[in-house]
């Protein structure tokens, strides 16, 4: 009997049809996730008028789904470790799809908020599990790029939401936007049939035959017999705590990445929730306002792919600093009257450097923390960021409530980008110092 390390097989595998399948299915799930999350910004101008909501009330209503996301990530992340990523993903997908359909039947803001919270639970649980599954199966040299390409499905979902809104809202009303979420439910059997389970989970459960079959698909020329023992190398047998994130020179880096996550997600959800309404207030038609949201998400998809490519070739922290700096300029210029082609270009750039940067931050955090504390580091950074996502719609509502000029609204949305850019500069310097400090230790061990 001989042993094989499943991580080595996956890391060194050549990209093949199996990887395509995993990436496409995960991207498809994130398309539906993105549709659900950006749908609120699409229907916001209509429901504010129909229900007589103040900007502050509308901002609070938009935050319910984001509260749900925060709890969903905690609940379903833990649950998936026990029942498997595939079942966890299927439960989350079913939950947010059904809750979104029920949103179309809401007759009061209270009912609407309850269903948005439930949908947020599913969305929040789906995203980390899908990212973790893609990370597990992606070859090491393509990992950042494949995760970025997969994550572009999130922006594509936002584009679908805005595109459908342009055609359906004027004729059928806001309810049909939520009823459309019933269509993805038809794909649930496909997800259950073709999405692979985590190979690590299968090995830990003693389901070695299923694990061997998956490894054979990952590396078809590999000889795996019934006598082959599958080995998982755990990074550390010791329990980790959040305090480990601040040890060994990581204090400044951890605080910096937390600030960057918070500010980035604040901008993502402030723009996603309020861009159509701000543009409608500026005199643009509903169709034009929704097309701006379309451009924002198209930029996010492009920025995710470009950022992943640049992150694999250059210093990722510096790439993030540049993205944040460009986002500040592009968002600040949105409040100035410009020709339509220029305005669309600015919105696309803003989407690329805000939504795209959200994905780069996950990669930067994963590279900063060692394997033994990586899950803890990502979990806490994401959790801090979710607080920014909750604040974003509330901030937009508060700004509209005091009737600021359009330019000042967008300048206020850009301020978190300045803070995030400065935080990431500190992060780059901290990472460099940590690497220099670790070099003598590595040499001694060698």
Protein backbone atom coordinates (compact mmCIF):
# COMPACT_ATOMS: atom_id res chain seq x y z
CA UNK A 1 0.00 0.00 0.00
CA UNK A 2 1.34 3.43 -0.89
CA UNK A 3 0.21 6.89 0.15
CA UNK A 4 -0.57 9.91 -2.05
CA UNK A 5 -1.06 13.47 -0.90
CA UNK A 6 -4.32 14.75 -2.39
CA UNK A 7 -3.17 18.39 -2.09
CA UNK A 8 -0.09 17.72 -4.21
CA UNK A 9 -2.20 16.04 -6.88
CA UNK A 10 -4.63 18.97 -7.04
CA UNK A 11 -1.91 21.66 -6.89
CA UNK A 12 0.11 20.13 -9.74
CA UNK A 13 -2.79 19.00 -11.95
CA UNK A 14 -3.16 20.31 -15.49
CA UNK A 15 -6.29 22.36 -16.19
CA UNK A 16 -8.86 20.07 -17.83
CA UNK A 17 -12.60 19.54 -18.40
CA UNK A 18 -13.20 18.77 -14.74
CA UNK A 19 -11.82 22.17 -13.70
CA UNK A 20 -13.97 23.81 -16.39
CA UNK A 21 -17.03 22.09 -14.94
CA UNK A 22 -16.33 23.19 -11.37
CA UNK A 23 -15.55 26.76 -12.42
CA UNK A 24 -18.66 27.07 -14.62
CA UNK A 25 -21.01 25.62 -12.00
CA UNK A 26 -19.58 27.84 -9.26
CA UNK A 27 -19.76 30.88 -11.55
CA UNK A 28 -23.38 29.99 -12.37
CA UNK A 29 -24.24 29.90 -8.68
CA UNK A 30 -22.60 33.29 -8.17
CA UNK A 31 -24.59 34.70 -11.13
CA UNK A 32 -27.80 33.88 -9.25
CA UNK A 33 -26.24 35.19 -6.03
CA UNK A 34 -25.31 38.48 -7.71
CA UNK A 35 -28.77 38.81 -9.29
CA UNK A 36 -30.38 38.46 -5.88
CA UNK A 37 -28.11 40.98 -4.18
CA UNK A 38 -28.27 43.72 -6.84
CA UNK A 39 -32.01 43.39 -7.43
CA UNK A 40 -32.72 45.77 -4.55
CA UNK A 41 -30.91 48.64 -6.23
CA UNK A 42 -32.91 47.95 -9.40
CA UNK A 43 -36.37 48.12 -7.76
CA UNK A 44 -35.49 50.76 -5.16
CA UNK A 45 -36.75 53.85 -7.05
CA UNK A 46 -40.09 52.12 -7.73
CA UNK A 47 -40.79 50.77 -4.22
CA UNK A 48 -39.76 54.07 -2.61
CA UNK A 49 -42.47 55.78 -4.61
CA UNK A 50 -45.07 53.03 -4.15
CA UNK A 51 -44.63 52.67 -0.38
CA UNK A 52 -43.68 56.29 0.34
CA UNK A 53 -40.34 55.37 1.91
CA UNK A 54 -37.91 58.03 3.08
CA UNK A 55 -34.27 57.58 1.96
CA UNK A 56 -33.30 56.52 5.49
CA UNK A 57 -36.08 53.90 5.63
CA UNK A 58 -35.07 52.60 2.20
CA UNK A 59 -31.44 52.36 3.32
CA UNK A 60 -32.43 50.37 6.40
CA UNK A 61 -34.58 48.06 4.26
CA UNK A 62 -31.61 47.44 1.96
CA UNK A 63 -29.44 46.46 4.93
CA UNK A 64 -31.68 43.56 6.01
CA UNK A 65 -30.27 41.25 3.33
CA UNK A 66 -26.74 42.23 4.38
CA UNK A 67 -27.44 41.41 8.03
CA UNK A 68 -28.65 38.05 6.75
CA UNK A 69 -25.43 37.59 4.76
CA UNK A 70 -23.33 38.15 7.86
CA UNK A 71 -25.23 35.52 9.86
CA UNK A 72 -25.47 33.18 6.87
CA UNK A 73 -21.70 33.10 6.41
CA UNK A 74 -21.24 32.07 10.05
CA UNK A 75 -24.06 29.51 10.19
CA UNK A 76 -23.66 27.79 6.84
CA UNK A 77 -19.86 27.90 6.91
CA UNK A 78 -19.91 25.79 10.07
CA UNK A 79 -22.75 23.60 8.80
CA UNK A 80 -20.95 22.84 5.53
CA UNK A 81 -17.93 21.56 7.47
CA UNK A 82 -20.24 18.94 9.00
CA UNK A 83 -22.52 17.96 6.11
CA UNK A 84 -20.24 18.72 3.17
CA UNK A 85 -19.84 21.72 0.88
CA UNK A 86 -22.14 20.33 -1.81
CA UNK A 87 -25.12 19.96 0.53
CA UNK A 88 -24.36 23.31 2.16
CA UNK A 89 -24.28 25.03 -1.24
CA UNK A 90 -27.53 23.36 -2.33
CA UNK A 91 -29.32 24.42 0.89
CA UNK A 92 -28.13 28.02 0.53
CA UNK A 93 -29.10 28.14 -3.15
CA UNK A 94 -32.58 26.82 -2.36
CA UNK A 95 -33.01 29.23 0.56
CA UNK A 96 -32.14 32.45 -1.24
CA UNK A 97 -34.02 31.49 -4.41
CA UNK A 98 -37.27 30.67 -2.58
CA UNK A 99 -36.97 33.74 -0.32
CA UNK A 100 -36.41 35.96 -3.36
CA UNK A 101 -39.53 34.60 -5.07
CA UNK A 102 -41.52 35.24 -1.88
CA UNK A 103 -40.26 38.84 -1.93
CA UNK A 104 -42.46 39.37 -4.97
CA UNK A 105 -45.55 38.65 -2.82
CA UNK A 106 -44.58 41.17 -0.11
CA UNK A 107 -47.26 43.83 0.42
CA UNK A 108 -45.58 45.82 3.21
CA UNK A 109 -42.01 46.96 3.92
CA UNK A 110 -41.96 44.64 6.98
CA UNK A 111 -42.73 41.54 4.90
CA UNK A 112 -40.25 42.67 2.29
CA UNK A 113 -37.52 43.09 4.92
CA UNK A 114 -38.13 39.63 6.42
CA UNK A 115 -37.82 37.91 3.04
CA UNK A 116 -34.71 39.97 2.20
CA UNK A 117 -33.12 38.83 5.46
CA UNK A 118 -33.86 35.18 4.63
CA UNK A 119 -32.46 35.62 1.12
CA UNK A 120 -29.37 37.19 2.66
CA UNK A 121 -28.86 34.13 4.85
CA UNK A 122 -28.65 31.96 1.73
CA UNK A 123 -26.45 34.39 -0.22
CA UNK A 124 -24.09 34.83 2.70
CA UNK A 125 -23.71 31.08 3.16
CA UNK A 126 -23.30 30.33 -0.55
CA UNK A 127 -20.44 32.69 -1.36
CA UNK A 128 -17.71 31.43 1.04
CA UNK A 129 -18.58 27.79 0.33
CA UNK A 130 -18.39 28.25 -3.44
CA UNK A 131 -15.09 30.14 -3.15
CA UNK A 132 -13.69 27.45 -0.84
CA UNK A 133 -14.72 24.68 -3.27
CA UNK A 134 -13.12 26.45 -6.24
CA UNK A 135 -9.97 27.08 -4.20
CA UNK A 136 -9.78 23.41 -3.28
CA UNK A 137 -9.93 22.13 -6.85
CA UNK A 138 -7.98 24.85 -8.72
CA UNK A 139 -4.36 24.06 -9.73
CA UNK A 140 -1.97 26.17 -7.67
CA UNK A 141 -0.48 28.20 -10.54
CA UNK A 142 -3.94 29.23 -11.78
CA UNK A 143 -5.73 29.58 -8.43
CA UNK A 144 -6.01 33.38 -8.26
CA UNK A 145 -7.04 33.68 -11.89
CA UNK A 146 -9.66 30.90 -11.75
CA UNK A 147 -11.21 32.26 -8.55
CA UNK A 148 -11.33 35.74 -10.13
CA UNK A 149 -12.96 34.40 -13.31
CA UNK A 150 -15.44 32.43 -11.22
CA UNK A 151 -16.18 35.49 -9.09
CA UNK A 152 -16.99 37.50 -12.21
CA UNK A 153 -20.26 35.57 -12.22
CA UNK A 154 -21.29 37.74 -9.28
CA UNK A 155 -21.02 40.87 -11.45
CA UNK A 156 -22.69 39.12 -14.36
CA UNK A 157 -25.66 38.45 -12.07
CA UNK A 158 -25.81 42.15 -11.25
CA UNK A 159 -25.78 42.92 -14.99
CA UNK A 160 -28.66 40.49 -15.55
CA UNK A 161 -30.62 42.15 -12.76
CA UNK A 162 -30.17 45.61 -14.25
CA UNK A 163 -30.78 44.40 -17.82
CA UNK A 164 -34.05 42.66 -16.92
CA UNK A 165 -35.11 45.72 -14.94
CA UNK A 166 -34.78 47.95 -18.01
CA UNK A 167 -37.24 45.78 -19.95
CA UNK A 168 -39.55 44.36 -17.27
CA UNK A 169 -40.01 47.13 -14.67
CA UNK A 170 -41.91 49.67 -16.82
CA UNK A 171 -44.39 47.05 -18.07
CA UNK A 172 -44.79 44.45 -15.32
CA UNK A 173 -43.83 46.23 -12.09
CA UNK A 174 -41.19 45.46 -9.47
CA UNK A 175 -42.72 42.13 -8.37
CA UNK A 176 -41.76 40.30 -11.57
CA UNK A 177 -38.08 40.95 -10.87
CA UNK A 178 -38.37 38.69 -7.82
CA UNK A 179 -40.59 36.12 -9.51
CA UNK A 180 -37.83 35.64 -12.10
CA UNK A 181 -35.72 34.03 -9.36
CA UNK A 182 -37.90 30.92 -9.73
CA UNK A 183 -36.17 30.09 -13.03
CA UNK A 184 -32.77 29.19 -11.46
CA UNK A 185 -34.54 26.66 -9.22
CA UNK A 186 -34.95 24.49 -12.32
CA UNK A 187 -31.17 24.06 -12.29
CA UNK A 188 -31.04 22.65 -8.75
CA UNK A 189 -31.01 19.02 -10.03
CA UNK A 190 -28.05 19.91 -12.30
CA UNK A 191 -26.15 21.34 -9.33
CA UNK A 192 -26.87 18.26 -7.22
CA UNK A 193 -25.87 15.91 -10.03
CA UNK A 194 -22.69 17.50 -11.38
CA UNK A 195 -21.18 19.70 -8.62
CA UNK A 196 -18.43 17.65 -6.90
CA UNK A 197 -18.17 17.31 -3.15
CA UNK A 198 -15.04 18.50 -1.36
CA UNK A 199 -12.46 15.73 -1.77
CA UNK A 200 -11.03 16.55 1.66
CA UNK A 201 -14.48 16.13 3.21
CA UNK A 202 -14.90 12.76 1.46
CA UNK A 203 -11.58 11.49 2.82
CA UNK A 204 -12.38 12.65 6.35
CA UNK A 205 -15.76 10.88 6.10
CA UNK A 206 -14.10 7.63 4.98
CA UNK A 207 -15.71 7.80 1.51
CA UNK A 208 -12.42 6.90 -0.15
CA UNK A 209 -13.87 5.35 -3.30
CA UNK A 210 -15.66 8.60 -4.18
CA UNK A 211 -12.50 10.57 -3.39
CA UNK A 212 -10.38 8.32 -5.65
CA UNK A 213 -12.89 8.77 -8.49
CA UNK A 214 -12.66 12.56 -8.16
CA UNK A 215 -8.85 12.52 -8.09
CA UNK A 216 -8.89 10.39 -11.25
CA UNK A 217 -10.96 13.09 -12.97
CA UNK A 218 -8.58 15.81 -11.74
CA UNK A 219 -5.52 13.95 -13.04
CA UNK A 220 -6.68 11.26 -15.55
CA UNK A 221 -3.21 9.76 -16.07
CA UNK A 222 -2.80 9.09 -12.34
CA UNK A 223 -2.78 5.45 -11.29
CA UNK A 224 -5.02 5.11 -8.22
CA UNK A 225 -5.90 1.62 -7.04
CA UNK A 226 -8.02 0.34 -4.18
CA UNK A 227 -4.86 -0.14 -2.13
CA UNK A 228 -3.85 3.53 -2.51
CA UNK A 229 -4.14 5.41 0.78
CA UNK A 230 -5.27 9.02 0.45
CA UNK A 231 -3.46 11.42 2.74
CA UNK A 232 -4.47 14.90 3.88
CA UNK A 233 -1.66 16.97 5.35
CA UNK A 234 -3.16 19.23 7.98
CA UNK A 235 -1.38 22.54 8.35
CA UNK A 236 -1.48 22.45 12.12
CA UNK A 237 -2.88 20.18 14.79
CA UNK A 238 -3.09 23.05 17.27
CA UNK A 239 -6.24 25.09 17.67
CA UNK A 240 -5.96 28.61 16.36
CA UNK A 241 -7.56 31.72 17.77
CA UNK A 242 -8.16 35.23 16.50
CA UNK A 243 -5.21 36.40 18.62
CA UNK A 244 -2.89 34.53 16.25
CA UNK A 245 -3.80 37.08 13.58
CA UNK A 246 -1.92 39.73 15.56
CA UNK A 247 1.17 37.70 16.45
CA UNK A 248 4.53 37.38 14.65
CA UNK A 249 4.45 40.88 13.19
CA UNK A 250 0.92 40.64 11.76
CA UNK A 251 -0.74 43.32 13.92
CA UNK A 252 -0.52 46.19 11.41
CA UNK A 253 -1.25 43.94 8.43
CA UNK A 254 -4.36 42.45 10.04
CA UNK A 255 -5.81 45.80 11.08
CA UNK A 256 -5.03 47.23 7.63
CA UNK A 257 -6.76 44.44 5.73
CA UNK A 258 -9.79 44.73 8.03
CA UNK A 259 -10.07 48.45 7.28
CA UNK A 260 -9.72 47.78 3.55
CA UNK A 261 -12.43 45.08 3.60
CA UNK A 262 -14.80 47.35 5.53
CA UNK A 263 -14.31 50.33 3.21
CA UNK A 264 -14.45 48.30 0.00
CA UNK A 265 -17.71 46.53 0.82
CA UNK A 266 -19.19 49.80 2.03
CA UNK A 267 -18.53 51.29 -1.43
CA UNK A 268 -19.78 48.18 -3.26
CA UNK A 269 -23.17 48.17 -1.53
CA UNK A 270 -23.58 51.95 -1.34
CA UNK A 271 -23.16 52.18 -5.12
CA UNK A 272 -25.11 49.00 -5.84
CA UNK A 273 -28.09 50.16 -3.77
CA UNK A 274 -28.20 53.87 -4.57
CA UNK A 275 -26.66 54.48 -8.01
CA UNK A 276 -29.98 54.17 -9.93
CA UNK A 277 -31.82 56.41 -7.43
CA UNK A 278 -29.07 59.06 -7.44
CA UNK A 279 -29.06 59.16 -11.22
CA UNK A 280 -32.87 59.30 -11.33
CA UNK A 281 -32.75 62.28 -8.95
CA UNK A 282 -30.21 63.90 -11.28
CA UNK A 283 -32.77 63.85 -14.10
CA UNK A 284 -31.95 60.62 -15.92
CA UNK A 285 -34.81 58.29 -16.89
CA UNK A 286 -35.38 55.01 -15.04
CA UNK A 287 -34.06 53.07 -18.04
CA UNK A 288 -30.88 55.14 -18.16
CA UNK A 289 -30.42 54.89 -14.39
CA UNK A 290 -30.61 51.08 -14.56
CA UNK A 291 -28.20 50.99 -17.50
CA UNK A 292 -25.67 52.73 -15.24
CA UNK A 293 -26.00 49.79 -12.82
CA UNK A 294 -25.43 47.52 -15.81
CA UNK A 295 -22.19 49.36 -16.62
CA UNK A 296 -21.09 49.22 -12.95
CA UNK A 297 -21.38 45.43 -12.88
CA UNK A 298 -19.80 45.00 -16.30
CA UNK A 299 -16.84 46.92 -14.92
CA UNK A 300 -16.82 44.65 -11.86
CA UNK A 301 -16.61 41.56 -14.06
CA UNK A 302 -13.79 43.05 -16.13
CA UNK A 303 -11.96 44.28 -13.02
CA UNK A 304 -12.16 40.86 -11.35
CA UNK A 305 -10.51 39.13 -14.32
CA UNK A 306 -7.92 41.87 -14.88
CA UNK A 307 -7.14 42.03 -11.17
CA UNK A 308 -6.67 38.27 -10.95
CA UNK A 309 -4.30 38.33 -13.94
CA UNK A 310 -2.29 41.25 -12.54
CA UNK A 311 -2.26 39.69 -9.06
CA UNK A 312 -0.62 36.52 -10.42
CA UNK A 313 2.14 38.58 -12.09
CA UNK A 314 2.83 41.57 -9.82
CA UNK A 315 2.74 42.44 -6.13
CA UNK A 316 -0.94 41.95 -5.29
CA UNK A 317 -0.95 44.52 -2.49
CA UNK A 318 0.36 47.24 -4.82
CA UNK A 319 -2.27 46.31 -7.43
CA UNK A 320 -4.99 46.78 -4.80
CA UNK A 321 -3.56 50.19 -3.77
CA UNK A 322 -3.70 51.34 -7.41
CA UNK A 323 -7.24 50.00 -7.86
CA UNK A 324 -8.45 51.88 -4.78
CA UNK A 325 -6.77 55.11 -5.94
CA UNK A 326 -8.42 54.86 -9.36
CA UNK A 327 -11.79 54.16 -7.72
CA UNK A 328 -11.56 57.40 -5.71
CA UNK A 329 -10.99 59.46 -8.87
CA UNK A 330 -13.68 57.74 -10.96
CA UNK A 331 -16.38 57.87 -8.24
CA UNK A 332 -15.63 61.53 -7.43
CA UNK A 333 -16.09 62.48 -11.09
CA UNK A 334 -19.51 60.80 -11.35
CA UNK A 335 -21.26 63.83 -9.85
CA UNK A 336 -20.02 66.15 -12.60
CA UNK A 337 -22.17 66.60 -15.71
CA UNK A 338 -20.28 64.92 -18.53
CA UNK A 339 -21.19 63.52 -21.97
CA UNK A 340 -22.88 60.11 -21.77
CA UNK A 341 -19.93 58.11 -23.19
CA UNK A 342 -17.64 59.65 -20.56
CA UNK A 343 -20.16 58.97 -17.80
CA UNK A 344 -20.51 55.32 -18.80
CA UNK A 345 -16.73 54.98 -18.92
CA UNK A 346 -16.36 56.43 -15.42
CA UNK A 347 -19.03 54.09 -14.03
CA UNK A 348 -17.38 51.09 -15.69
CA UNK A 349 -14.00 52.05 -14.21
CA UNK A 350 -15.63 52.53 -10.80
CA UNK A 351 -17.14 49.05 -11.01
CA UNK A 352 -13.81 47.53 -12.05
CA UNK A 353 -11.90 49.13 -9.20
CA UNK A 354 -14.52 48.68 -6.46
CA UNK A 355 -16.30 45.37 -7.16
CA UNK A 356 -13.14 43.93 -8.71
CA UNK A 357 -11.05 44.98 -5.73
CA UNK A 358 -13.39 43.12 -3.38
CA UNK A 359 -12.13 39.88 -4.95
CA UNK A 360 -8.48 40.95 -4.86
CA UNK A 361 -8.76 41.58 -1.13
CA UNK A 362 -9.72 37.95 -0.51
CA UNK A 363 -6.63 36.83 -2.44
CA UNK A 364 -4.40 39.32 -0.58
CA UNK A 365 -5.64 38.09 2.81
CA UNK A 366 -5.14 34.45 1.80
CA UNK A 367 -1.54 35.15 0.81
CA UNK A 368 -0.80 37.19 3.94
CA UNK A 369 -1.82 34.53 6.48
CA UNK A 370 -0.06 31.20 6.87
CA UNK A 371 -1.94 27.99 6.14
CA UNK A 372 -2.61 27.25 9.82
CA UNK A 373 -4.51 30.53 10.38
CA UNK A 374 -5.73 31.26 6.84
CA UNK A 375 -9.37 30.28 7.43
CA UNK A 376 -9.47 32.33 10.63
CA UNK A 377 -7.90 35.32 8.87
CA UNK A 378 -10.29 35.19 5.92
CA UNK A 379 -13.30 34.65 8.16
CA UNK A 380 -12.60 37.65 10.34
CA UNK A 381 -11.66 39.92 7.43
CA UNK A 382 -14.89 38.96 5.66
CA UNK A 383 -16.91 39.45 8.85
CA UNK A 384 -15.51 42.94 9.41
CA UNK A 385 -16.21 43.70 5.74
CA UNK A 386 -19.85 42.65 6.09
CA UNK A 387 -20.30 45.45 8.63
CA UNK A 388 -19.21 47.84 5.90
CA UNK A 389 -21.76 46.27 3.56
CA UNK A 390 -24.47 46.97 6.15
CA UNK A 391 -23.34 50.58 6.60
CA UNK A 392 -23.24 51.27 2.83
CA UNK A 393 -27.00 51.38 2.10
CA UNK A 394 -27.62 53.22 5.39
CA UNK A 395 -25.02 55.85 4.48
CA UNK A 396 -26.59 56.36 1.06
CA UNK A 397 -30.02 56.79 2.62
CA UNK A 398 -28.71 59.29 5.17
CA UNK A 399 -26.97 61.34 2.46
CA UNK A 400 -30.08 61.47 0.28
CA UNK A 401 -32.14 62.38 3.32
CA UNK A 402 -30.20 65.64 3.81
CA UNK A 403 -30.50 66.56 0.12
CA UNK A 404 -26.84 67.05 -0.68
CA UNK A 405 -25.84 68.07 -4.21
CA UNK A 406 -25.15 65.10 -6.49
CA UNK A 407 -21.38 65.72 -6.57
CA UNK A 408 -21.11 65.74 -2.76
CA UNK A 409 -22.95 62.40 -2.57
CA UNK A 410 -20.41 60.75 -4.84
CA UNK A 411 -17.49 62.42 -3.07
CA UNK A 412 -18.79 60.97 0.19
CA UNK A 413 -18.89 57.51 -1.45
CA UNK A 414 -15.27 58.01 -2.56
CA UNK A 415 -13.88 58.86 0.91
CA UNK A 416 -13.77 55.20 2.05
CA UNK A 417 -11.59 54.51 -1.03
CA UNK A 418 -9.00 57.02 0.23
CA UNK A 419 -8.96 55.34 3.65
CA UNK A 420 -8.71 51.88 2.07
CA UNK A 421 -5.84 52.96 -0.20
CA UNK A 422 -3.86 54.27 2.78
CA UNK A 423 -4.64 51.09 4.74
CA UNK A 424 -3.35 48.92 1.90
CA UNK A 425 -0.13 50.96 1.71
CA UNK A 426 0.42 50.06 5.37
CA UNK A 427 -0.48 46.47 4.53
CA UNK A 428 2.17 46.31 1.78
CA UNK A 429 4.84 47.72 4.12
CA UNK A 430 3.78 45.36 6.92
CA UNK A 431 3.85 42.33 4.62
CA UNK A 432 7.34 43.25 3.45
CA UNK A 433 8.62 43.58 7.01
CA UNK A 434 7.02 40.27 7.99
CA UNK A 435 8.72 38.54 5.03
CA UNK A 436 12.11 40.01 5.94
CA UNK A 437 11.67 38.97 9.57
CA UNK A 438 10.68 35.44 8.56
CA UNK A 439 13.65 34.95 6.20
CA UNK A 440 16.30 34.30 8.94
CA UNK A 441 13.95 31.81 10.61
CA UNK A 442 13.47 29.93 7.38
CA UNK A 443 17.22 29.89 6.81
CA UNK A 444 17.81 28.54 10.29
CA UNK A 445 15.25 25.76 9.77
CA UNK A 446 16.88 24.88 6.47
